[in-house]
Amino acid sequence: MLKIKQVSKTFYLGTPNEHQALKNIDLTINTGDFVTVIGGNGAGKSTLLNLIAGVLLPDGGQIMLDDQDVTWMPEHKRAALLGRVFQDPMRGTAGDMGIDENLALAARRGKRRGLGWGIAKSEREQYREILGKLDLGLEGRLGAKVKLLSGGQRQALTLMMATLKEPRMLLLDEHTAALDPKTGARVLALTEELISRQQLTTMMITHNMRDAIKYGNRLLMLHEGRIILDIQGEDKRRLHVEDLLHMFEKASGSQLANDRMLLS
């Protein structure tokens, strides 16, 4: 599903603040993989997702998505192939529009717009059915403005919007980090259910080592712009936090000094 070959990304090139965020990354992700991505601040996690999404363009190398070369394809043209959920619950939605209007926008991702009625009655029925599965009471509030929803409700809605068209790949950028632990756990359970039901190829960035171990079939750890750990299959199922810390120290040659990861 995804092949990344010798991709690098440098910010502020040629200035005193020059920083190489990714260094010659090689990565292949198979169809149906659920990959958790972990690493300290500045490791290159979000840069990697932004390169896949087209928010950033690489210095060089190649990015293939579903056998299509998207290396230099602009972000809006990749929208039909990708779904994405951000850390900020409001980034993936239009706050001043209704729940139904947001879902309609997601349903039309990558399509040409016409001059017909914005949302058909049959669509609203479909949205009620979809929202009913969330068990958050949103199916009876289709016209409510999204900015009035709680953080958990907004993030659950954003997740539904990102997966409505069954994207070729789903990108989750610390999508539960801004939520309280109970709500975050509920959104993660919903995430796992949607990924399993639709068999979505997924990359999920997290700072929580336990979540990185618990979810998915493969774990990547980035450090200083490189992939230093790639754990999958039975090795991942047997993994514990203490094992992950030991592996990090062995692979990086240093101790993990990231409060968010350790406290999580």
Protein backbone atom coordinates (compact mmCIF):
# COMPACT_ATOMS: atom_id res chain seq x y z
CA MET A 1 0.00 0.00 0.00
CA LEU A 2 2.81 2.44 0.86
CA LYS A 3 6.43 2.44 -0.28
CA ILE A 4 8.84 5.13 0.83
CA LYS A 5 12.32 5.08 -0.70
CA GLN A 6 15.24 7.21 0.48
CA VAL A 7 13.04 10.12 1.60
CA SER A 8 14.59 13.01 3.52
CA LYS A 9 13.26 16.34 4.72
CA THR A 10 15.27 19.37 5.84
CA PHE A 11 13.80 22.56 7.27
CA TYR A 12 15.43 26.03 7.04
CA LEU A 13 18.03 24.77 4.57
CA GLY A 14 21.12 26.95 4.39
CA THR A 15 20.34 28.92 7.55
CA PRO A 16 21.73 28.70 11.11
CA ASN A 17 18.45 26.92 12.07
CA GLU A 18 18.86 24.14 9.47
CA HIS A 19 17.34 20.91 10.75
CA GLN A 20 17.13 17.55 9.03
CA ALA A 21 13.86 16.10 10.31
CA LEU A 22 14.00 12.85 8.30
CA LYS A 23 17.11 11.09 7.05
CA ASN A 24 16.90 8.68 4.09
CA ILE A 25 13.76 6.87 5.25
CA ASP A 26 12.95 3.50 3.66
CA LEU A 27 9.58 2.02 4.62
CA THR A 28 7.10 -0.45 3.15
CA ILE A 29 3.62 -0.85 4.63
CA ASN A 30 1.45 -3.69 3.40
CA THR A 31 -2.27 -3.51 2.69
CA GLY A 32 -4.22 -3.97 5.92
CA ASP A 33 -1.31 -3.11 8.24
CA PHE A 34 -2.16 -1.12 11.38
CA VAL A 35 1.13 0.57 12.27
CA THR A 36 1.67 2.51 15.48
CA VAL A 37 4.44 5.13 15.36
CA ILE A 38 6.21 6.30 18.48
CA GLY A 39 9.17 8.54 19.28
CA GLY A 40 10.21 11.59 21.25
CA ASN A 41 9.59 15.22 20.34
CA GLY A 42 11.44 16.08 17.15
CA ALA A 43 11.88 12.43 16.14
CA GLY A 44 10.18 13.07 12.78
CA LYS A 45 6.80 11.40 13.33
CA SER A 46 4.52 14.23 12.19
CA THR A 47 6.94 15.16 9.39
CA LEU A 48 6.59 11.60 8.07
CA LEU A 49 2.78 11.81 8.10
CA ASN A 50 2.85 15.26 6.48
CA LEU A 51 5.03 13.93 3.65
CA ILE A 52 2.62 11.06 3.05
CA ALA A 53 -0.35 13.46 3.11
CA GLY A 54 1.30 16.00 0.81
CA VAL A 55 1.36 18.81 3.35
CA LEU A 56 5.14 18.79 2.91
CA LEU A 57 7.24 17.80 -0.09
CA PRO A 58 10.48 15.82 0.40
CA ASP A 59 13.99 16.92 -0.45
CA GLY A 60 14.27 13.80 -2.58
CA GLY A 61 13.33 10.15 -2.78
CA GLN A 62 9.99 8.58 -3.73
CA ILE A 63 6.59 7.99 -2.11
CA MET A 64 4.32 5.38 -3.72
CA LEU A 65 0.73 5.01 -2.50
CA ASP A 66 -1.24 2.05 -3.83
CA ASP A 67 1.21 1.75 -6.79
CA GLN A 68 0.77 5.43 -7.63
CA ASP A 69 3.70 7.85 -7.42
CA VAL A 70 2.48 10.68 -5.17
CA THR A 71 5.91 12.14 -4.30
CA TRP A 72 5.15 15.56 -5.82
CA MET A 73 1.35 15.31 -5.88
CA PRO A 74 -0.28 18.28 -4.05
CA GLU A 75 -2.25 17.70 -0.88
CA HIS A 76 -5.71 18.33 -2.36
CA LYS A 77 -5.17 15.66 -5.03
CA ARG A 78 -4.28 13.08 -2.39
CA ALA A 79 -7.49 13.80 -0.48
CA ALA A 80 -9.38 11.11 -2.38
CA LEU A 81 -6.81 8.50 -1.32
CA LEU A 82 -6.24 9.43 2.32
CA GLY A 83 -8.19 9.99 5.51
CA ARG A 84 -6.60 11.92 8.36
CA VAL A 85 -7.44 12.76 11.97
CA PHE A 86 -5.41 15.42 13.80
CA GLN A 87 -4.57 15.99 17.47
CA ASP A 88 -6.78 19.11 17.57
CA PRO A 89 -10.43 17.94 17.38
CA MET A 90 -11.40 21.06 15.37
CA ARG A 91 -8.81 20.68 12.59
CA GLY A 92 -10.70 18.03 10.68
CA THR A 93 -14.12 19.71 10.84
CA ALA A 94 -15.85 23.00 9.99
CA GLY A 95 -17.01 24.29 13.38
CA ASP A 96 -19.69 26.68 12.11
CA MET A 97 -21.34 23.98 9.98
CA GLY A 98 -23.73 21.28 11.14
CA ILE A 99 -22.86 17.65 11.78
CA ASP A 100 -24.73 16.60 8.63
CA GLU A 101 -22.97 19.27 6.54
CA ASN A 102 -19.56 18.08 7.73
CA LEU A 103 -20.41 14.49 6.87
CA ALA A 104 -21.66 15.60 3.45
CA LEU A 105 -18.35 17.35 2.79
CA ALA A 106 -16.52 14.15 3.71
CA ALA A 107 -18.78 12.08 1.45
CA ARG A 108 -17.90 14.34 -1.49
CA ARG A 109 -14.15 14.27 -0.94
CA GLY A 110 -12.41 14.04 -4.30
CA LYS A 111 -15.64 14.45 -6.29
CA ARG A 112 -16.80 17.29 -8.53
CA ARG A 113 -19.42 19.58 -6.96
CA GLY A 114 -22.74 20.16 -8.69
CA LEU A 115 -25.65 22.58 -8.26
CA GLY A 116 -28.13 20.14 -6.71
CA TRP A 117 -29.44 20.27 -3.14
CA GLY A 118 -26.63 20.05 -0.62
CA ILE A 119 -27.86 17.01 1.34
CA ALA A 120 -30.52 14.59 0.17
CA LYS A 121 -33.02 13.01 2.58
CA SER A 122 -31.52 9.57 1.93
CA GLU A 123 -28.10 10.91 2.93
CA ARG A 124 -29.41 12.21 6.25
CA GLU A 125 -30.86 8.77 7.00
CA GLN A 126 -27.48 7.24 6.20
CA TYR A 127 -25.76 9.72 8.52
CA ARG A 128 -28.20 8.95 11.35
CA GLU A 129 -27.42 5.25 10.98
CA ILE A 130 -23.66 5.86 10.97
CA LEU A 131 -23.77 8.20 13.98
CA GLY A 132 -26.00 5.80 15.90
CA LYS A 133 -23.11 3.32 15.99
CA LEU A 134 -21.04 5.82 17.98
CA ASP A 135 -23.52 5.70 20.88
CA LEU A 136 -22.85 9.39 21.60
CA GLY A 137 -26.35 10.74 20.94
CA LEU A 138 -25.27 12.56 17.77
CA GLU A 139 -27.79 10.87 15.48
CA GLY A 140 -30.52 13.12 16.89
CA ARG A 141 -28.45 16.31 16.49
CA LEU A 142 -27.64 16.35 12.77
CA GLY A 143 -28.16 20.11 12.50
CA ALA A 144 -26.06 21.00 15.56
CA LYS A 145 -22.95 23.07 14.90
CA VAL A 146 -19.81 21.02 15.37
CA LYS A 147 -18.15 23.70 17.54
CA LEU A 148 -20.81 23.03 20.22
CA LEU A 149 -19.79 19.38 20.61
CA SER A 150 -17.43 18.07 23.28
CA GLY A 151 -13.85 17.19 22.35
CA GLY A 152 -14.60 13.48 22.35
CA GLN A 153 -17.72 13.92 20.21
CA ARG A 154 -15.80 16.07 17.73
CA GLN A 155 -12.95 13.59 17.46
CA ALA A 156 -15.35 10.67 17.00
CA LEU A 157 -17.11 12.65 14.26
CA THR A 158 -13.79 13.50 12.60
CA LEU A 159 -12.88 9.82 12.67
CA MET A 160 -16.19 8.93 10.98
CA MET A 161 -15.58 11.62 8.37
CA ALA A 162 -12.04 10.36 7.68
CA THR A 163 -13.27 6.80 7.11
CA LEU A 164 -16.60 7.53 5.40
CA LYS A 165 -15.18 6.96 1.91
CA GLU A 166 -12.94 4.05 3.02
CA PRO A 167 -9.62 5.71 2.14
CA ARG A 168 -6.69 3.75 0.79
CA MET A 169 -4.83 4.78 3.93
CA LEU A 170 -5.80 6.32 7.27
CA LEU A 171 -3.40 8.68 9.07
CA LEU A 172 -3.93 9.33 12.79
CA ASP A 173 -1.74 12.07 14.28
CA GLU A 174 -2.00 11.69 18.09
CA HIS A 175 -5.76 11.89 17.68
CA THR A 176 -6.52 11.17 21.36
CA ALA A 177 -3.77 13.34 22.94
CA ALA A 178 -6.12 16.30 23.60
CA LEU A 179 -8.80 14.13 25.26
CA ASP A 180 -9.17 13.03 28.87
CA PRO A 181 -8.09 9.40 29.50
CA LYS A 182 -11.62 7.96 29.62
CA THR A 183 -12.75 9.71 26.42
CA GLY A 184 -9.43 8.92 24.73
CA ALA A 185 -9.86 5.22 25.49
CA ARG A 186 -13.36 5.29 24.02
CA VAL A 187 -12.16 6.98 20.81
CA LEU A 188 -9.31 4.46 20.53
CA ALA A 189 -11.77 1.57 20.89
CA LEU A 190 -13.91 3.14 18.15
CA THR A 191 -10.77 3.59 16.03
CA GLU A 192 -9.85 -0.07 16.34
CA GLU A 193 -13.42 -1.13 15.51
CA LEU A 194 -13.55 1.01 12.34
CA ILE A 195 -10.11 -0.11 11.16
CA SER A 196 -11.00 -3.77 11.71
CA ARG A 197 -14.45 -3.48 10.09
CA GLN A 198 -13.17 -1.69 6.98
CA GLN A 199 -9.75 -3.42 6.97
CA LEU A 200 -8.06 -0.04 6.62
CA THR A 201 -4.32 0.36 6.19
CA THR A 202 -3.44 2.72 9.06
CA MET A 203 -0.56 4.69 10.58
CA MET A 204 -1.20 5.99 14.10
CA ILE A 205 1.21 8.33 15.89
CA THR A 206 1.05 8.13 19.66
CA HIS A 207 3.15 9.22 22.64
CA ASN A 208 1.64 6.48 24.80
CA MET A 209 3.89 3.41 24.76
CA ARG A 210 1.15 1.14 26.12
CA ASP A 211 -1.21 2.20 23.33
CA ALA A 212 1.56 1.72 20.76
CA ILE A 213 2.00 -1.84 22.01
CA LYS A 214 -1.70 -2.65 22.48
CA TYR A 215 -2.99 -1.51 19.09
CA GLY A 216 -2.04 -2.62 15.61
CA ASN A 217 0.13 -5.40 14.22
CA ARG A 218 3.34 -3.39 13.79
CA LEU A 219 5.26 -0.76 15.79
CA LEU A 220 7.79 1.76 14.47
CA MET A 221 9.99 3.92 16.65
CA LEU A 222 11.64 7.02 15.23
CA HIS A 223 14.64 8.78 16.72
CA GLU A 224 16.45 11.80 15.30
CA GLY A 225 14.86 11.37 11.88
CA ARG A 226 15.50 7.66 11.48
CA ILE A 227 13.46 4.48 12.03
CA ILE A 228 15.39 2.68 14.76
CA LEU A 229 12.84 -0.03 15.63
CA ASP A 230 10.38 -1.99 13.47
CA ILE A 231 8.57 -4.62 15.54
CA GLN A 232 5.78 -6.77 14.17
CA GLY A 233 3.92 -10.05 14.40
CA GLU A 234 4.57 -12.29 17.39
CA ASP A 235 7.44 -10.08 18.60
CA LYS A 236 5.00 -7.18 19.01
CA ARG A 237 2.37 -9.31 20.74
CA ARG A 238 4.92 -10.35 23.39
CA LEU A 239 6.22 -6.79 23.85
CA HIS A 240 6.06 -4.90 27.16
CA VAL A 241 6.90 -1.26 27.96
CA GLU A 242 10.11 -2.30 29.73
CA ASP A 243 11.17 -4.27 26.63
CA LEU A 244 10.50 -1.25 24.43
CA LEU A 245 12.59 1.02 26.65
CA HIS A 246 15.46 -1.47 26.58
CA MET A 247 15.24 -1.80 22.79
CA PHE A 248 15.26 1.99 22.42
CA GLU A 249 18.38 2.36 24.56
CA LYS A 250 20.14 -0.39 22.63
CA ALA A 251 19.17 0.97 19.18
CA SER A 252 19.77 4.67 19.93
CA GLY A 253 22.71 4.37 22.30
CA SER A 254 20.99 6.68 24.78
CA GLN A 255 18.28 6.67 27.42
CA LEU A 256 14.78 7.85 26.62
CA ALA A 257 14.33 11.36 28.03
CA ASN A 258 10.77 12.18 26.96
CA ASP A 259 8.41 12.96 29.85
CA ARG A 260 5.22 12.46 27.82
CA MET A 261 6.18 8.94 26.77
CA LEU A 262 7.46 7.92 30.19
CA LEU A 263 4.49 9.35 32.12
CA SER A 264 2.02 7.77 29.71
